[in-house]
Amino acid sequence: MEQASWVRLQNGSDIRGVAVAGIADQPVNLTAAHANSIGQAFAHWLVTIINH
């Protein structure tokens, strides 16, 4: 996944994107691959927190 695609999703400390088509002039930019990576990172962080 390209770095540029992540930069377009970043909004300060948040990740924001369009996941579903249907809003005029807002193309989908939050893909299944992005969502998967975010979920995996969150799970890793959570396991690290729980195990400390």
PDB file of N, CA and C in Angstrom:
ATOM      1  N   MET A   1       0.839  -1.164   0.000  1.00  0.00           N
ATOM      2  CA  MET A   1       0.000   0.000   0.000  1.00  0.00           C
ATOM      3  C   MET A   1       0.897   1.244   0.000  1.00  0.00           C
ATOM      4  N   GLU A   2       0.570   2.192  -0.834  1.00  0.00           N
ATOM      5  CA  GLU A   2       1.393   3.379  -0.986  1.00  0.00           C
ATOM      6  C   GLU A   2       1.244   4.345   0.182  1.00  0.00           C
ATOM      7  N   GLN A   3       2.335   4.994   0.533  1.00  0.00           N
ATOM      8  CA  GLN A   3       2.332   5.997   1.600  1.00  0.00           C
ATOM      9  C   GLN A   3       1.334   7.110   1.290  1.00  0.00           C
ATOM     10  N   ALA A   4       1.244   7.510   0.024  1.00  0.00           N
ATOM     11  CA  ALA A   4       0.357   8.608  -0.362  1.00  0.00           C
ATOM     12  C   ALA A   4      -1.100   8.294  -0.051  1.00  0.00           C
ATOM     13  N   SER A   5      -1.503   7.039  -0.166  1.00  0.00           N
ATOM     14  CA  SER A   5      -2.894   6.700   0.120  1.00  0.00           C
ATOM     15  C   SER A   5      -3.215   6.866   1.605  1.00  0.00           C
ATOM     16  N   TRP A   6      -2.228   6.629   2.473  1.00  0.00           N
ATOM     17  CA  TRP A   6      -2.423   6.832   3.914  1.00  0.00           C
ATOM     18  C   TRP A   6      -2.475   8.312   4.247  1.00  0.00           C
ATOM     19  N   VAL A   7      -1.657   9.102   3.585  1.00  0.00           N
ATOM     20  CA  VAL A   7      -1.609  10.543   3.858  1.00  0.00           C
ATOM     21  C   VAL A   7      -2.961  11.180   3.553  1.00  0.00           C
ATOM     22  N   ARG A   8      -3.632  10.725   2.508  1.00  0.00           N
ATOM     23  CA  ARG A   8      -4.944  11.275   2.163  1.00  0.00           C
ATOM     24  C   ARG A   8      -6.001  10.957   3.217  1.00  0.00           C
ATOM     25  N   LEU A   9      -5.776   9.917   4.023  1.00  0.00           N
ATOM     26  CA  LEU A   9      -6.732   9.538   5.057  1.00  0.00           C
ATOM     27  C   LEU A   9      -6.466  10.241   6.389  1.00  0.00           C
ATOM     28  N   GLN A  10      -5.265  10.777   6.562  1.00  0.00           N
ATOM     29  CA  GLN A  10      -4.900  11.370   7.842  1.00  0.00           C
ATOM     30  C   GLN A  10      -5.542  12.737   7.998  1.00  0.00           C
ATOM     31  N   ASN A  11      -6.103  12.963   9.194  1.00  0.00           N
ATOM     32  CA  ASN A  11      -6.696  14.244   9.543  1.00  0.00           C
ATOM     33  C   ASN A  11      -6.257  14.534  10.975  1.00  0.00           C
ATOM     34  N   GLY A  12      -5.112  15.168  11.117  1.00  0.00           N
ATOM     35  CA  GLY A  12      -4.548  15.355  12.455  1.00  0.00           C
ATOM     36  C   GLY A  12      -4.145  14.007  13.012  1.00  0.00           C
ATOM     37  N   SER A  13      -4.700  13.651  14.158  1.00  0.00           N
ATOM     38  CA  SER A  13      -4.390  12.345  14.750  1.00  0.00           C
ATOM     39  C   SER A  13      -5.435  11.297  14.377  1.00  0.00           C
ATOM     40  N   ASP A  14      -6.429  11.684  13.585  1.00  0.00           N
ATOM     41  CA  ASP A  14      -7.514  10.784  13.169  1.00  0.00           C
ATOM     42  C   ASP A  14      -7.240  10.214  11.785  1.00  0.00           C
ATOM     43  N   ILE A  15      -7.906   9.113  11.510  1.00  0.00           N
ATOM     44  CA  ILE A  15      -7.955   8.554  10.158  1.00  0.00           C
ATOM     45  C   ILE A  15      -9.391   8.722   9.684  1.00  0.00           C
ATOM     46  N   ARG A  16      -9.558   9.385   8.570  1.00  0.00           N
ATOM     47  CA  ARG A  16     -10.898   9.606   8.027  1.00  0.00           C
ATOM     48  C   ARG A  16     -10.884   9.310   6.537  1.00  0.00           C
ATOM     49  N   GLY A  17     -11.952   8.719   6.079  1.00  0.00           N
ATOM     50  CA  GLY A  17     -12.035   8.427   4.658  1.00  0.00           C
ATOM     51  C   GLY A  17     -13.457   8.100   4.261  1.00  0.00           C
ATOM     52  N   VAL A  18     -13.651   7.969   2.974  1.00  0.00           N
ATOM     53  CA  VAL A  18     -14.936   7.598   2.402  1.00  0.00           C
ATOM     54  C   VAL A  18     -14.867   6.114   2.071  1.00  0.00           C
ATOM     55  N   ALA A  19     -15.748   5.332   2.689  1.00  0.00           N
ATOM     56  CA  ALA A  19     -15.717   3.885   2.512  1.00  0.00           C
ATOM     57  C   ALA A  19     -16.750   3.386   1.504  1.00  0.00           C
ATOM     58  N   VAL A  20     -17.785   4.181   1.258  1.00  0.00           N
ATOM     59  CA  VAL A  20     -18.876   3.748   0.388  1.00  0.00           C
ATOM     60  C   VAL A  20     -19.160   4.849  -0.629  1.00  0.00           C
ATOM     61  N   ALA A  21     -19.297   4.464  -1.877  1.00  0.00           N
ATOM     62  CA  ALA A  21     -19.622   5.423  -2.928  1.00  0.00           C
ATOM     63  C   ALA A  21     -21.036   5.942  -2.747  1.00  0.00           C
ATOM     64  N   GLY A  22     -21.281   7.139  -3.247  1.00  0.00           N
ATOM     65  CA  GLY A  22     -22.631   7.671  -3.223  1.00  0.00           C
ATOM     66  C   GLY A  22     -22.704   9.133  -2.829  1.00  0.00           C
ATOM     67  N   ILE A  23     -21.595   9.707  -2.403  1.00  0.00           N
ATOM     68  CA  ILE A  23     -21.573  11.119  -2.055  1.00  0.00           C
ATOM     69  C   ILE A  23     -20.891  11.854  -3.199  1.00  0.00           C
ATOM     70  N   ALA A  24     -21.576  12.830  -3.755  1.00  0.00           N
ATOM     71  CA  ALA A  24     -21.049  13.551  -4.909  1.00  0.00           C
ATOM     72  C   ALA A  24     -19.690  14.161  -4.609  1.00  0.00           C
ATOM     73  N   ASP A  25     -18.788  14.035  -5.551  1.00  0.00           N
ATOM     74  CA  ASP A  25     -17.438  14.613  -5.477  1.00  0.00           C
ATOM     75  C   ASP A  25     -16.583  14.054  -4.345  1.00  0.00           C
ATOM     76  N   GLN A  26     -16.961  12.913  -3.776  1.00  0.00           N
ATOM     77  CA  GLN A  26     -16.144  12.278  -2.745  1.00  0.00           C
ATOM     78  C   GLN A  26     -15.900  10.821  -3.129  1.00  0.00           C
ATOM     79  N   PRO A  27     -14.772  10.569  -3.795  1.00  0.00           N
ATOM     80  CA  PRO A  27     -14.471   9.191  -4.211  1.00  0.00           C
ATOM     81  C   PRO A  27     -14.103   8.324  -3.005  1.00  0.00           C
ATOM     82  N   VAL A  28     -14.330   7.043  -3.134  1.00  0.00           N
ATOM     83  CA  VAL A  28     -13.953   6.097  -2.088  1.00  0.00           C
ATOM     84  C   VAL A  28     -12.435   6.107  -1.966  1.00  0.00           C
ATOM     85  N   ASN A  29     -11.943   6.317  -0.728  1.00  0.00           N
ATOM     86  CA  ASN A  29     -10.502   6.302  -0.511  1.00  0.00           C
ATOM     87  C   ASN A  29     -10.112   5.479   0.719  1.00  0.00           C
ATOM     88  N   LEU A  30     -11.085   4.942   1.422  1.00  0.00           N
ATOM     89  CA  LEU A  30     -10.824   4.050   2.558  1.00  0.00           C
ATOM     90  C   LEU A  30     -11.157   2.642   2.087  1.00  0.00           C
ATOM     91  N   THR A  31     -10.136   1.916   1.661  1.00  0.00           N
ATOM     92  CA  THR A  31     -10.340   0.603   1.048  1.00  0.00           C
ATOM     93  C   THR A  31     -10.401  -0.499   2.105  1.00  0.00           C
ATOM     94  N   ALA A  32     -10.759  -1.668   1.680  1.00  0.00           N
ATOM     95  CA  ALA A  32     -10.755  -2.839   2.564  1.00  0.00           C
ATOM     96  C   ALA A  32      -9.352  -3.098   3.094  1.00  0.00           C
ATOM     97  N   ALA A  33      -8.345  -2.873   2.262  1.00  0.00           N
ATOM     98  CA  ALA A  33      -6.959  -3.068   2.699  1.00  0.00           C
ATOM     99  C   ALA A  33      -6.588  -2.075   3.798  1.00  0.00           C
ATOM    100  N   HIS A  34      -7.027  -0.825   3.661  1.00  0.00           N
ATOM    101  CA  HIS A  34      -6.781   0.160   4.717  1.00  0.00           C
ATOM    102  C   HIS A  34      -7.473  -0.268   6.010  1.00  0.00           C
ATOM    103  N   ALA A  35      -8.743  -0.641   5.914  1.00  0.00           N
ATOM    104  CA  ALA A  35      -9.501  -1.045   7.097  1.00  0.00           C
ATOM    105  C   ALA A  35      -8.856  -2.255   7.776  1.00  0.00           C
ATOM    106  N   ASN A  36      -8.384  -3.196   6.981  1.00  0.00           N
ATOM    107  CA  ASN A  36      -7.711  -4.377   7.521  1.00  0.00           C
ATOM    108  C   ASN A  36      -6.450  -3.978   8.276  1.00  0.00           C
ATOM    109  N   SER A  37      -5.644  -3.116   7.681  1.00  0.00           N
ATOM    110  CA  SER A  37      -4.408  -2.672   8.334  1.00  0.00           C
ATOM    111  C   SER A  37      -4.693  -1.922   9.632  1.00  0.00           C
ATOM    112  N   ILE A  38      -5.700  -1.059   9.614  1.00  0.00           N
ATOM    113  CA  ILE A  38      -6.075  -0.313  10.820  1.00  0.00           C
ATOM    114  C   ILE A  38      -6.540  -1.273  11.907  1.00  0.00           C
ATOM    115  N   GLY A  39      -7.351  -2.257  11.544  1.00  0.00           N
ATOM    116  CA  GLY A  39      -7.830  -3.253  12.509  1.00  0.00           C
ATOM    117  C   GLY A  39      -6.699  -4.084  13.091  1.00  0.00           C
ATOM    118  N   GLN A  40      -5.775  -4.487  12.261  1.00  0.00           N
ATOM    119  CA  GLN A  40      -4.631  -5.272  12.748  1.00  0.00           C
ATOM    120  C   GLN A  40      -3.754  -4.443  13.682  1.00  0.00           C
ATOM    121  N   ALA A  41      -3.541  -3.197  13.340  1.00  0.00           N
ATOM    122  CA  ALA A  41      -2.729  -2.323  14.196  1.00  0.00           C
ATOM    123  C   ALA A  41      -3.410  -2.106  15.541  1.00  0.00           C
ATOM    124  N   PHE A  42      -4.724  -1.919  15.519  1.00  0.00           N
ATOM    125  CA  PHE A  42      -5.458  -1.737  16.772  1.00  0.00           C
ATOM    126  C   PHE A  42      -5.381  -2.998  17.634  1.00  0.00           C
ATOM    127  N   ALA A  43      -5.547  -4.151  17.020  1.00  0.00           N
ATOM    128  CA  ALA A  43      -5.466  -5.416  17.763  1.00  0.00           C
ATOM    129  C   ALA A  43      -4.083  -5.591  18.379  1.00  0.00           C
ATOM    130  N   HIS A  44      -3.038  -5.258  17.628  1.00  0.00           N
ATOM    131  CA  HIS A  44      -1.673  -5.353  18.147  1.00  0.00           C
ATOM    132  C   HIS A  44      -1.494  -4.413  19.339  1.00  0.00           C
ATOM    133  N   TRP A  45      -1.967  -3.186  19.201  1.00  0.00           N
ATOM    134  CA  TRP A  45      -1.864  -2.216  20.299  1.00  0.00           C
ATOM    135  C   TRP A  45      -2.621  -2.715  21.526  1.00  0.00           C
ATOM    136  N   LEU A  46      -3.828  -3.245  21.321  1.00  0.00           N
ATOM    137  CA  LEU A  46      -4.644  -3.720  22.434  1.00  0.00           C
ATOM    138  C   LEU A  46      -3.978  -4.881  23.169  1.00  0.00           C
ATOM    139  N   VAL A  47      -3.420  -5.822  22.432  1.00  0.00           N
ATOM    140  CA  VAL A  47      -2.712  -6.947  23.063  1.00  0.00           C
ATOM    141  C   VAL A  47      -1.526  -6.433  23.880  1.00  0.00           C
ATOM    142  N   THR A  48      -0.811  -5.452  23.329  1.00  0.00           N
ATOM    143  CA  THR A  48       0.326  -4.876  24.046  1.00  0.00           C
ATOM    144  C   THR A  48      -0.118  -4.222  25.341  1.00  0.00           C
ATOM    145  N   ILE A  49      -1.217  -3.502  25.322  1.00  0.00           N
ATOM    146  CA  ILE A  49      -1.740  -2.828  26.512  1.00  0.00           C
ATOM    147  C   ILE A  49      -2.217  -3.862  27.547  1.00  0.00           C
ATOM    148  N   ILE A  50      -2.929  -4.865  27.103  1.00  0.00           N
ATOM    149  CA  ILE A  50      -3.488  -5.882  28.025  1.00  0.00           C
ATOM    150  C   ILE A  50      -2.372  -6.680  28.692  1.00  0.00           C
ATOM    151  N   ASN A  51      -1.312  -6.954  27.973  1.00  0.00           N
ATOM    152  CA  ASN A  51      -0.225  -7.787  28.498  1.00  0.00           C
ATOM    153  C   ASN A  51       0.782  -7.034  29.346  1.00  0.00           C
ATOM    154  N   HIS A  52       0.561  -5.770  29.591  1.00  0.00           N
ATOM    155  CA  HIS A  52       1.495  -5.011  30.446  1.00  0.00           C
ATOM    156  C   HIS A  52       0.923  -4.772  31.788  1.00  0.00           C
TER     157      HIS A  52
END
